Amino acid sequence: LSTLKEKGYDPLDYRYFCLGAHYRSQLQFGFEAMDSAKSGRRGLMDRVARIREEFQKQAEKKADFADVEKANNYLKSFEENISQDLNVPKALAALWNITKDSSIPASAKYPVILRMDRVLGLKLDTAELEKVDLSNDIKALVEEREQARKKKDYKRADEIRNILSERGIILEDTPQGVKWRKK
């Protein structure tokens, strides 16, 4: 574990790596696999952080029964996979699926995500969006891309997205506007 820390991995990256394999199969350790696990866990943490932000905004609003029922279906799938031969990779897939389901409001899905995490131990309750300090030239590129999109110049917008990607910045177009994070 100390070697992994020295190479820039969080112990939870290793846990995520281990959760990705069924207990009956042999783990094939490698730093490429660890990079993939680190990236996957970071993506999950970012998703959960966004869901938590929405959950906090909706604090007074109770989730509809139908939404709670949909969220609980993911929990049921999660629990069935854990119960049936300890199929943690499929349980992890159920967690990912609920984070991606935009039809369920955060007020219904965030509590379910936390219940799943009690089993997985990924500390999703501490998830925060990775802060990115953008230099002025990168900010200018993001703004230029926004203008290109408004003018429907999607070719230029894609070119700028690729330039930013080469610089380690990933853009996400959301209904609230463009969000970015480090690769």
N, C-alpha and C. Protein backbone atom coordinates (compact mmCIF):
# COMPACT_ATOMS: atom_id res chain seq x y z
N LEU A 1 0.83 -1.19 0.00
CA LEU A 1 0.00 0.00 0.00
C LEU A 1 0.87 1.26 0.00
N SER A 2 1.99 1.22 0.70
CA SER A 2 2.85 2.40 0.74
C SER A 2 3.44 2.69 -0.65
N THR A 3 3.72 1.64 -1.42
CA THR A 3 4.23 1.83 -2.78
C THR A 3 3.17 2.50 -3.65
N LEU A 4 1.92 2.08 -3.48
CA LEU A 4 0.84 2.69 -4.25
C LEU A 4 0.68 4.16 -3.88
N LYS A 5 0.79 4.47 -2.60
CA LYS A 5 0.70 5.87 -2.16
C LYS A 5 1.82 6.70 -2.78
N GLU A 6 3.03 6.13 -2.80
CA GLU A 6 4.17 6.83 -3.39
C GLU A 6 3.95 7.12 -4.87
N LYS A 7 3.22 6.24 -5.54
CA LYS A 7 2.97 6.41 -6.98
C LYS A 7 1.72 7.26 -7.25
N GLY A 8 1.14 7.83 -6.18
CA GLY A 8 0.04 8.77 -6.35
C GLY A 8 -1.36 8.17 -6.28
N TYR A 9 -1.47 6.94 -5.79
CA TYR A 9 -2.78 6.30 -5.67
C TYR A 9 -3.30 6.46 -4.25
N ASP A 10 -4.59 6.66 -4.14
CA ASP A 10 -5.26 6.68 -2.86
C ASP A 10 -5.57 5.22 -2.49
N PRO A 11 -5.54 4.87 -1.21
CA PRO A 11 -5.91 3.50 -0.83
C PRO A 11 -7.30 3.10 -1.34
N LEU A 12 -8.19 4.09 -1.48
CA LEU A 12 -9.52 3.78 -2.00
C LEU A 12 -9.49 3.44 -3.49
N ASP A 13 -8.46 3.89 -4.21
CA ASP A 13 -8.30 3.46 -5.60
C ASP A 13 -8.05 1.95 -5.64
N TYR A 14 -7.24 1.48 -4.70
CA TYR A 14 -6.95 0.05 -4.63
C TYR A 14 -8.22 -0.72 -4.25
N ARG A 15 -8.98 -0.19 -3.32
CA ARG A 15 -10.24 -0.84 -2.94
C ARG A 15 -11.16 -0.92 -4.15
N TYR A 16 -11.28 0.16 -4.89
CA TYR A 16 -12.12 0.17 -6.09
C TYR A 16 -11.63 -0.87 -7.09
N PHE A 17 -10.32 -0.96 -7.26
CA PHE A 17 -9.72 -1.97 -8.13
C PHE A 17 -10.15 -3.37 -7.69
N CYS A 18 -10.06 -3.65 -6.40
CA CYS A 18 -10.43 -4.97 -5.88
C CYS A 18 -11.92 -5.25 -6.03
N LEU A 19 -12.74 -4.22 -5.86
CA LEU A 19 -14.19 -4.40 -5.99
C LEU A 19 -14.60 -4.75 -7.42
N GLY A 20 -13.75 -4.43 -8.38
CA GLY A 20 -14.06 -4.69 -9.78
C GLY A 20 -13.90 -6.13 -10.20
N ALA A 21 -13.42 -6.98 -9.32
CA ALA A 21 -13.23 -8.39 -9.67
C ALA A 21 -14.06 -9.27 -8.75
N HIS A 22 -14.60 -10.33 -9.30
CA HIS A 22 -15.35 -11.30 -8.51
C HIS A 22 -14.37 -12.05 -7.64
N TYR A 23 -14.81 -12.43 -6.45
CA TYR A 23 -13.88 -13.07 -5.52
C TYR A 23 -13.36 -14.41 -6.02
N ARG A 24 -14.07 -15.04 -6.96
CA ARG A 24 -13.60 -16.32 -7.48
C ARG A 24 -12.58 -16.17 -8.61
N SER A 25 -12.45 -14.99 -9.13
CA SER A 25 -11.50 -14.78 -10.22
C SER A 25 -10.21 -14.18 -9.66
N GLN A 26 -9.14 -14.45 -10.35
CA GLN A 26 -7.84 -13.95 -9.90
C GLN A 26 -7.66 -12.51 -10.37
N LEU A 27 -7.24 -11.66 -9.46
CA LEU A 27 -6.97 -10.27 -9.81
C LEU A 27 -5.68 -10.20 -10.62
N GLN A 28 -5.72 -9.43 -11.69
CA GLN A 28 -4.52 -9.21 -12.51
C GLN A 28 -4.03 -7.80 -12.21
N PHE A 29 -3.13 -7.70 -11.24
CA PHE A 29 -2.64 -6.39 -10.83
C PHE A 29 -1.67 -5.84 -11.87
N GLY A 30 -1.78 -4.55 -12.10
CA GLY A 30 -0.85 -3.82 -12.94
C GLY A 30 -1.14 -2.35 -12.78
N PHE A 31 -0.15 -1.51 -13.07
CA PHE A 31 -0.36 -0.08 -12.87
C PHE A 31 -1.33 0.50 -13.90
N GLU A 32 -1.44 -0.13 -15.06
CA GLU A 32 -2.44 0.30 -16.02
C GLU A 32 -3.84 0.05 -15.45
N ALA A 33 -4.01 -1.10 -14.81
CA ALA A 33 -5.30 -1.41 -14.17
C ALA A 33 -5.56 -0.46 -13.01
N MET A 34 -4.53 -0.10 -12.28
CA MET A 34 -4.69 0.85 -11.18
C MET A 34 -5.05 2.24 -11.70
N ASP A 35 -4.46 2.63 -12.83
CA ASP A 35 -4.82 3.91 -13.44
C ASP A 35 -6.30 3.92 -13.81
N SER A 36 -6.74 2.81 -14.35
CA SER A 36 -8.15 2.68 -14.73
C SER A 36 -9.05 2.75 -13.49
N ALA A 37 -8.65 2.07 -12.43
CA ALA A 37 -9.43 2.10 -11.18
C ALA A 37 -9.46 3.51 -10.60
N LYS A 38 -8.33 4.19 -10.63
CA LYS A 38 -8.25 5.56 -10.11
C LYS A 38 -9.19 6.47 -10.89
N SER A 39 -9.15 6.34 -12.20
CA SER A 39 -10.01 7.15 -13.06
C SER A 39 -11.49 6.82 -12.82
N GLY A 40 -11.79 5.54 -12.71
CA GLY A 40 -13.17 5.12 -12.46
C GLY A 40 -13.70 5.64 -11.14
N ARG A 41 -12.89 5.52 -10.10
CA ARG A 41 -13.32 6.01 -8.79
C ARG A 41 -13.49 7.52 -8.80
N ARG A 42 -12.57 8.23 -9.48
CA ARG A 42 -12.69 9.69 -9.57
C ARG A 42 -13.99 10.08 -10.27
N GLY A 43 -14.31 9.35 -11.35
CA GLY A 43 -15.56 9.62 -12.06
C GLY A 43 -16.78 9.38 -11.18
N LEU A 44 -16.74 8.30 -10.41
CA LEU A 44 -17.84 8.00 -9.50
C LEU A 44 -17.95 9.08 -8.42
N MET A 45 -16.82 9.49 -7.88
CA MET A 45 -16.83 10.53 -6.84
C MET A 45 -17.39 11.84 -7.40
N ASP A 46 -17.01 12.19 -8.62
CA ASP A 46 -17.54 13.42 -9.24
C ASP A 46 -19.05 13.34 -9.41
N ARG A 47 -19.53 12.19 -9.88
CA ARG A 47 -20.98 12.02 -10.06
C ARG A 47 -21.70 12.17 -8.72
N VAL A 48 -21.19 11.49 -7.70
CA VAL A 48 -21.83 11.53 -6.39
C VAL A 48 -21.76 12.94 -5.80
N ALA A 49 -20.66 13.65 -6.03
CA ALA A 49 -20.55 15.03 -5.53
C ALA A 49 -21.63 15.91 -6.17
N ARG A 50 -21.86 15.74 -7.47
CA ARG A 50 -22.91 16.52 -8.15
C ARG A 50 -24.29 16.16 -7.60
N ILE A 51 -24.50 14.87 -7.37
CA ILE A 51 -25.79 14.43 -6.82
C ILE A 51 -25.98 15.01 -5.42
N ARG A 52 -24.92 15.01 -4.61
CA ARG A 52 -25.02 15.58 -3.27
C ARG A 52 -25.34 17.07 -3.32
N GLU A 53 -24.72 17.80 -4.25
CA GLU A 53 -25.03 19.23 -4.40
C GLU A 53 -26.51 19.43 -4.70
N GLU A 54 -27.04 18.63 -5.61
CA GLU A 54 -28.47 18.71 -5.94
C GLU A 54 -29.32 18.33 -4.73
N PHE A 55 -28.90 17.29 -4.02
CA PHE A 55 -29.61 16.84 -2.83
C PHE A 55 -29.70 17.97 -1.80
N GLN A 56 -28.60 18.68 -1.60
CA GLN A 56 -28.58 19.77 -0.64
C GLN A 56 -29.47 20.93 -1.08
N LYS A 57 -29.55 21.17 -2.39
CA LYS A 57 -30.43 22.22 -2.91
C LYS A 57 -31.90 21.83 -2.73
N GLN A 58 -32.17 20.53 -2.79
CA GLN A 58 -33.55 20.03 -2.69
C GLN A 58 -33.89 19.62 -1.25
N ALA A 59 -33.14 20.09 -0.28
CA ALA A 59 -33.24 19.62 1.11
C ALA A 59 -34.67 19.65 1.65
N GLU A 60 -35.41 20.71 1.36
CA GLU A 60 -36.77 20.81 1.89
C GLU A 60 -37.76 19.98 1.08
N LYS A 61 -37.40 19.66 -0.13
CA LYS A 61 -38.32 18.97 -1.03
C LYS A 61 -38.26 17.46 -0.81
N LYS A 62 -39.40 16.88 -0.50
CA LYS A 62 -39.48 15.43 -0.32
C LYS A 62 -39.57 14.76 -1.68
N ALA A 63 -38.94 13.60 -1.80
CA ALA A 63 -39.00 12.84 -3.05
C ALA A 63 -40.38 12.19 -3.19
N ASP A 64 -40.87 12.12 -4.42
CA ASP A 64 -42.14 11.45 -4.68
C ASP A 64 -41.99 9.96 -4.40
N PHE A 65 -43.11 9.33 -4.07
CA PHE A 65 -43.09 7.89 -3.80
C PHE A 65 -42.58 7.12 -5.01
N ALA A 66 -42.99 7.51 -6.21
CA ALA A 66 -42.56 6.81 -7.42
C ALA A 66 -41.05 6.92 -7.61
N ASP A 67 -40.48 8.08 -7.31
CA ASP A 67 -39.03 8.26 -7.43
C ASP A 67 -38.28 7.42 -6.40
N VAL A 68 -38.80 7.39 -5.18
CA VAL A 68 -38.18 6.57 -4.14
C VAL A 68 -38.24 5.10 -4.54
N GLU A 69 -39.36 4.71 -5.13
CA GLU A 69 -39.51 3.32 -5.58
C GLU A 69 -38.49 2.98 -6.66
N LYS A 70 -38.29 3.90 -7.62
CA LYS A 70 -37.28 3.67 -8.67
C LYS A 70 -35.89 3.53 -8.07
N ALA A 71 -35.56 4.42 -7.14
CA ALA A 71 -34.25 4.37 -6.49
C ALA A 71 -34.09 3.07 -5.70
N ASN A 72 -35.15 2.65 -5.04
CA ASN A 72 -35.09 1.41 -4.26
C ASN A 72 -34.94 0.18 -5.15
N ASN A 73 -35.38 0.27 -6.40
CA ASN A 73 -35.15 -0.85 -7.33
C ASN A 73 -33.66 -1.05 -7.58
N TYR A 74 -32.91 0.04 -7.64
CA TYR A 74 -31.45 -0.07 -7.78
C TYR A 74 -30.84 -0.69 -6.52
N LEU A 75 -31.36 -0.29 -5.37
CA LEU A 75 -30.87 -0.85 -4.11
C LEU A 75 -31.17 -2.34 -4.05
N LYS A 76 -32.35 -2.71 -4.50
CA LYS A 76 -32.73 -4.13 -4.51
C LYS A 76 -31.78 -4.91 -5.41
N SER A 77 -31.48 -4.39 -6.59
CA SER A 77 -30.54 -5.03 -7.51
C SER A 77 -29.17 -5.16 -6.86
N PHE A 78 -28.73 -4.09 -6.21
CA PHE A 78 -27.45 -4.08 -5.51
C PHE A 78 -27.41 -5.20 -4.46
N GLU A 79 -28.44 -5.24 -3.63
CA GLU A 79 -28.49 -6.24 -2.55
C GLU A 79 -28.57 -7.66 -3.09
N GLU A 80 -29.33 -7.86 -4.17
CA GLU A 80 -29.41 -9.20 -4.77
C GLU A 80 -28.05 -9.65 -5.28
N ASN A 81 -27.32 -8.75 -5.91
CA ASN A 81 -26.00 -9.11 -6.42
C ASN A 81 -25.02 -9.42 -5.30
N ILE A 82 -25.10 -8.69 -4.21
CA ILE A 82 -24.25 -8.97 -3.06
C ILE A 82 -24.64 -10.33 -2.46
N SER A 83 -25.93 -10.58 -2.37
CA SER A 83 -26.42 -11.82 -1.76
C SER A 83 -26.17 -13.05 -2.62
N GLN A 84 -26.18 -12.88 -3.92
CA GLN A 84 -26.00 -14.01 -4.83
C GLN A 84 -24.53 -14.18 -5.17
N ASP A 85 -23.87 -14.99 -4.40
CA ASP A 85 -22.48 -15.33 -4.65
C ASP A 85 -21.56 -14.12 -4.58
N LEU A 86 -21.90 -13.17 -3.76
CA LEU A 86 -21.06 -11.99 -3.52
C LEU A 86 -20.55 -11.37 -4.82
N ASN A 87 -21.49 -11.08 -5.72
CA ASN A 87 -21.13 -10.54 -7.03
C ASN A 87 -20.96 -9.02 -6.92
N VAL A 88 -19.84 -8.62 -6.37
CA VAL A 88 -19.57 -7.20 -6.12
C VAL A 88 -19.45 -6.40 -7.42
N PRO A 89 -18.84 -6.93 -8.49
CA PRO A 89 -18.79 -6.13 -9.72
C PRO A 89 -20.18 -5.74 -10.24
N LYS A 90 -21.15 -6.66 -10.15
CA LYS A 90 -22.51 -6.32 -10.58
C LYS A 90 -23.17 -5.36 -9.60
N ALA A 91 -22.85 -5.49 -8.33
CA ALA A 91 -23.38 -4.55 -7.33
C ALA A 91 -22.82 -3.16 -7.60
N LEU A 92 -21.54 -3.09 -7.94
CA LEU A 92 -20.92 -1.82 -8.29
C LEU A 92 -21.57 -1.22 -9.54
N ALA A 93 -21.95 -2.08 -10.47
CA ALA A 93 -22.65 -1.61 -11.68
C ALA A 93 -24.00 -1.00 -11.31
N ALA A 94 -24.69 -1.58 -10.33
CA ALA A 94 -25.97 -1.01 -9.88
C ALA A 94 -25.76 0.38 -9.30
N LEU A 95 -24.66 0.56 -8.57
CA LEU A 95 -24.32 1.88 -8.03
C LEU A 95 -24.09 2.87 -9.16
N TRP A 96 -23.30 2.48 -10.14
CA TRP A 96 -23.05 3.36 -11.29
C TRP A 96 -24.35 3.69 -12.01
N ASN A 97 -25.21 2.70 -12.17
CA ASN A 97 -26.46 2.91 -12.91
C ASN A 97 -27.37 3.92 -12.22
N ILE A 98 -27.45 3.87 -10.90
CA ILE A 98 -28.31 4.86 -10.22
C ILE A 98 -27.72 6.26 -10.35
N THR A 99 -26.39 6.38 -10.37
CA THR A 99 -25.80 7.71 -10.52
C THR A 99 -26.07 8.29 -11.90
N LYS A 100 -26.26 7.41 -12.88
CA LYS A 100 -26.48 7.86 -14.26
C LYS A 100 -27.95 8.09 -14.59
N ASP A 101 -28.86 7.61 -13.75
CA ASP A 101 -30.29 7.69 -14.04
C ASP A 101 -30.81 9.09 -13.75
N SER A 102 -30.97 9.87 -14.81
CA SER A 102 -31.41 11.26 -14.65
C SER A 102 -32.90 11.39 -14.36
N SER A 103 -33.64 10.29 -14.45
CA SER A 103 -35.07 10.36 -14.17
C SER A 103 -35.37 10.34 -12.67
N ILE A 104 -34.37 10.06 -11.87
CA ILE A 104 -34.55 10.02 -10.41
C ILE A 104 -33.90 11.25 -9.80
N PRO A 105 -34.68 12.04 -9.06
CA PRO A 105 -34.08 13.24 -8.44
C PRO A 105 -33.09 12.86 -7.34
N ALA A 106 -32.19 13.77 -7.07
CA ALA A 106 -31.16 13.54 -6.05
C ALA A 106 -31.78 13.26 -4.69
N SER A 107 -32.93 13.85 -4.42
CA SER A 107 -33.58 13.64 -3.12
C SER A 107 -33.94 12.18 -2.89
N ALA A 108 -34.13 11.42 -3.98
CA ALA A 108 -34.44 10.00 -3.86
C ALA A 108 -33.19 9.13 -3.99
N LYS A 109 -32.25 9.55 -4.84
CA LYS A 109 -31.11 8.66 -5.11
C LYS A 109 -29.94 8.81 -4.14
N TYR A 110 -29.70 9.99 -3.61
CA TYR A 110 -28.52 10.17 -2.75
C TYR A 110 -28.57 9.28 -1.50
N PRO A 111 -29.71 9.18 -0.80
CA PRO A 111 -29.75 8.27 0.36
C PRO A 111 -29.49 6.81 -0.03
N VAL A 112 -29.95 6.40 -1.20
CA VAL A 112 -29.72 5.03 -1.66
C VAL A 112 -28.23 4.81 -1.95
N ILE A 113 -27.61 5.80 -2.57
CA ILE A 113 -26.17 5.71 -2.86
C ILE A 113 -25.39 5.54 -1.56
N LEU A 114 -25.75 6.29 -0.54
CA LEU A 114 -25.05 6.18 0.74
C LEU A 114 -25.27 4.81 1.38
N ARG A 115 -26.45 4.24 1.21
CA ARG A 115 -26.70 2.89 1.74
C ARG A 115 -25.83 1.87 1.02
N MET A 116 -25.70 2.01 -0.29
CA MET A 116 -24.84 1.10 -1.05
C MET A 116 -23.39 1.24 -0.59
N ASP A 117 -22.99 2.47 -0.33
CA ASP A 117 -21.60 2.71 0.06
C ASP A 117 -21.28 2.15 1.44
N ARG A 118 -22.28 1.96 2.27
CA ARG A 118 -22.02 1.32 3.57
C ARG A 118 -21.44 -0.07 3.38
N VAL A 119 -21.79 -0.72 2.29
CA VAL A 119 -21.26 -2.05 1.98
C VAL A 119 -19.90 -1.94 1.30
N LEU A 120 -19.78 -1.02 0.35
CA LEU A 120 -18.56 -0.92 -0.46
C LEU A 120 -17.42 -0.19 0.23
N GLY A 121 -17.74 0.75 1.09
CA GLY A 121 -16.71 1.47 1.84
C GLY A 121 -15.84 2.38 1.00
N LEU A 122 -16.43 3.06 0.02
CA LEU A 122 -15.67 3.97 -0.84
C LEU A 122 -15.68 5.41 -0.34
N LYS A 123 -16.32 5.64 0.79
CA LYS A 123 -16.41 6.98 1.41
C LYS A 123 -17.04 8.00 0.46
N LEU A 124 -18.13 7.58 -0.17
CA LEU A 124 -18.81 8.46 -1.12
C LEU A 124 -19.44 9.67 -0.44
N ASP A 125 -19.67 9.58 0.86
CA ASP A 125 -20.23 10.72 1.58
C ASP A 125 -19.24 11.89 1.66
N THR A 126 -17.98 11.63 1.35
CA THR A 126 -16.96 12.70 1.35
C THR A 126 -16.66 13.20 -0.05
N ALA A 127 -17.42 12.74 -1.03
CA ALA A 127 -17.15 13.09 -2.43
C ALA A 127 -17.28 14.58 -2.65
N GLU A 128 -16.27 15.14 -3.28
CA GLU A 128 -16.28 16.55 -3.66
C GLU A 128 -15.78 16.65 -5.08
N LEU A 129 -16.31 17.61 -5.80
CA LEU A 129 -15.82 17.84 -7.15
C LEU A 129 -14.38 18.32 -7.07
N GLU A 130 -13.57 17.78 -7.96
CA GLU A 130 -12.17 18.18 -7.99
C GLU A 130 -12.09 19.63 -8.44
N LYS A 131 -11.43 20.43 -7.64
CA LYS A 131 -11.28 21.85 -7.96
C LYS A 131 -10.19 22.02 -9.01
N VAL A 132 -10.49 22.82 -10.00
CA VAL A 132 -9.53 23.07 -11.07
C VAL A 132 -9.33 24.57 -11.18
N ASP A 133 -8.09 24.99 -11.01
CA ASP A 133 -7.76 26.39 -11.24
C ASP A 133 -7.34 26.51 -12.69
N LEU A 134 -8.13 27.23 -13.44
CA LEU A 134 -7.85 27.36 -14.86
C LEU A 134 -7.01 28.60 -15.12
N SER A 135 -6.01 28.43 -15.95
CA SER A 135 -5.20 29.58 -16.35
C SER A 135 -6.05 30.45 -17.27
N ASN A 136 -5.61 31.67 -17.49
CA ASN A 136 -6.37 32.61 -18.31
C ASN A 136 -6.54 32.12 -19.74
N ASP A 137 -5.51 31.46 -20.30
CA ASP A 137 -5.64 30.98 -21.68
C ASP A 137 -6.65 29.84 -21.78
N ILE A 138 -6.71 29.00 -20.75
CA ILE A 138 -7.70 27.92 -20.77
C ILE A 138 -9.10 28.50 -20.57
N LYS A 139 -9.24 29.48 -19.69
CA LYS A 139 -10.54 30.14 -19.51
C LYS A 139 -10.99 30.77 -20.83
N ALA A 140 -10.05 31.38 -21.54
CA ALA A 140 -10.38 31.99 -22.83
C ALA A 140 -10.84 30.93 -23.83
N LEU A 141 -10.20 29.77 -23.83
CA LEU A 141 -10.61 28.69 -24.73
C LEU A 141 -12.01 28.18 -24.38
N VAL A 142 -12.29 28.05 -23.10
CA VAL A 142 -13.62 27.61 -22.67
C VAL A 142 -14.67 28.61 -23.14
N GLU A 143 -14.39 29.89 -22.98
CA GLU A 143 -15.32 30.94 -23.41
C GLU A 143 -15.48 30.93 -24.93
N GLU A 144 -14.35 30.77 -25.64
CA GLU A 144 -14.41 30.71 -27.11
C GLU A 144 -15.26 29.53 -27.57
N ARG A 145 -15.12 28.41 -26.88
CA ARG A 145 -15.91 27.23 -27.23
C ARG A 145 -17.40 27.48 -27.00
N GLU A 146 -17.72 28.15 -25.90
CA GLU A 146 -19.12 28.50 -25.61
C GLU A 146 -19.69 29.37 -26.73
N GLN A 147 -18.92 30.36 -27.16
CA GLN A 147 -19.37 31.24 -28.24
C GLN A 147 -19.55 30.45 -29.54
N ALA A 148 -18.62 29.54 -29.82
CA ALA A 148 -18.73 28.72 -31.03
C ALA A 148 -19.99 27.86 -30.98
N ARG A 149 -20.30 27.32 -29.82
CA ARG A 149 -21.51 26.50 -29.67
C ARG A 149 -22.76 27.34 -29.87
N LYS A 150 -22.76 28.57 -29.34
CA LYS A 150 -23.92 29.45 -29.51
C LYS A 150 -24.14 29.80 -30.97
N LYS A 151 -23.02 29.91 -31.72
CA LYS A 151 -23.11 30.20 -33.16
C LYS A 151 -23.32 28.93 -33.99
N LYS A 152 -23.44 27.79 -33.29
CA LYS A 152 -23.62 26.48 -33.93
C LYS A 152 -22.43 26.08 -34.80
N ASP A 153 -21.25 26.57 -34.43
CA ASP A 153 -20.00 26.19 -35.10
C ASP A 153 -19.42 25.01 -34.32
N TYR A 154 -20.05 23.85 -34.50
CA TYR A 154 -19.69 22.68 -33.71
C TYR A 154 -18.31 22.13 -34.07
N LYS A 155 -17.88 22.38 -35.30
CA LYS A 155 -16.54 21.93 -35.69
C LYS A 155 -15.49 22.63 -34.83
N ARG A 156 -15.60 23.95 -34.71
CA ARG A 156 -14.65 24.72 -33.89
C ARG A 156 -14.78 24.34 -32.42
N ALA A 157 -16.01 24.15 -31.96
CA ALA A 157 -16.23 23.77 -30.56
C ALA A 157 -15.54 22.43 -30.26
N ASP A 158 -15.62 21.49 -31.19
CA ASP A 158 -14.96 20.20 -31.00
C ASP A 158 -13.44 20.33 -31.04
N GLU A 159 -12.94 21.21 -31.90
CA GLU A 159 -11.49 21.45 -31.95
C GLU A 159 -11.00 21.98 -30.61
N ILE A 160 -11.74 22.90 -30.04
CA ILE A 160 -11.34 23.48 -28.75
C ILE A 160 -11.43 22.43 -27.65
N ARG A 161 -12.47 21.61 -27.70
CA ARG A 161 -12.60 20.52 -26.72
C ARG A 161 -11.36 19.62 -26.78
N ASN A 162 -10.91 19.30 -28.00
CA ASN A 162 -9.73 18.44 -28.17
C ASN A 162 -8.47 19.11 -27.64
N ILE A 163 -8.33 20.41 -27.89
CA ILE A 163 -7.17 21.15 -27.38
C ILE A 163 -7.15 21.09 -25.85
N LEU A 164 -8.32 21.32 -25.24
CA LEU A 164 -8.40 21.29 -23.78
C LEU A 164 -8.14 19.89 -23.25
N SER A 165 -8.62 18.89 -23.96
CA SER A 165 -8.38 17.51 -23.55
C SER A 165 -6.88 17.20 -23.54
N GLU A 166 -6.17 17.70 -24.54
CA GLU A 166 -4.72 17.50 -24.59
C GLU A 166 -4.02 18.18 -23.41
N ARG A 167 -4.64 19.22 -22.88
CA ARG A 167 -4.08 19.94 -21.73
C ARG A 167 -4.58 19.38 -20.40
N GLY A 168 -5.33 18.28 -20.47
CA GLY A 168 -5.77 17.62 -19.25
C GLY A 168 -7.07 18.13 -18.67
N ILE A 169 -7.87 18.83 -19.48
CA ILE A 169 -9.15 19.37 -19.02
C ILE A 169 -10.27 18.67 -19.77
N ILE A 170 -11.23 18.14 -19.02
CA ILE A 170 -12.40 17.50 -19.63
C ILE A 170 -13.59 18.43 -19.44
N LEU A 171 -14.29 18.70 -20.52
CA LEU A 171 -15.48 19.55 -20.48
C LEU A 171 -16.73 18.69 -20.46
N GLU A 172 -17.71 19.13 -19.70
CA GLU A 172 -19.01 18.47 -19.68
C GLU A 172 -20.07 19.53 -19.93
N ASP A 173 -20.88 19.30 -20.95
CA ASP A 173 -21.98 20.20 -21.25
C ASP A 173 -23.19 19.75 -20.44
N THR A 174 -23.69 20.62 -19.59
CA THR A 174 -24.84 20.29 -18.76
C THR A 174 -25.93 21.33 -19.00
N PRO A 175 -27.16 21.06 -18.57
CA PRO A 175 -28.22 22.06 -18.71
C PRO A 175 -27.89 23.36 -17.98
N GLN A 176 -27.05 23.29 -16.94
CA GLN A 176 -26.66 24.48 -16.19
C GLN A 176 -25.47 25.20 -16.80
N GLY A 177 -24.92 24.66 -17.86
CA GLY A 177 -23.75 25.26 -18.50
C GLY A 177 -22.60 24.28 -18.56
N VAL A 178 -21.45 24.78 -18.97
CA VAL A 178 -20.27 23.94 -19.12
C VAL A 178 -19.59 23.77 -17.77
N LYS A 179 -19.24 22.52 -17.45
CA LYS A 179 -18.46 22.23 -16.26
C LYS A 179 -17.18 21.56 -16.72
N TRP A 180 -16.11 21.73 -15.97
CA TRP A 180 -14.84 21.13 -16.36
C TRP A 180 -14.19 20.48 -15.16
N ARG A 181 -13.30 19.55 -15.46
CA ARG A 181 -12.53 18.88 -14.42
C ARG A 181 -11.23 18.40 -15.03
N LYS A 182 -10.29 18.06 -14.16
CA LYS A 182 -9.02 17.50 -14.63
C LYS A 182 -9.22 16.05 -15.02
N LYS A 183 -8.40 15.62 -15.98
CA LYS A 183 -8.44 14.20 -16.37
C LYS A 183 -7.99 13.34 -15.24
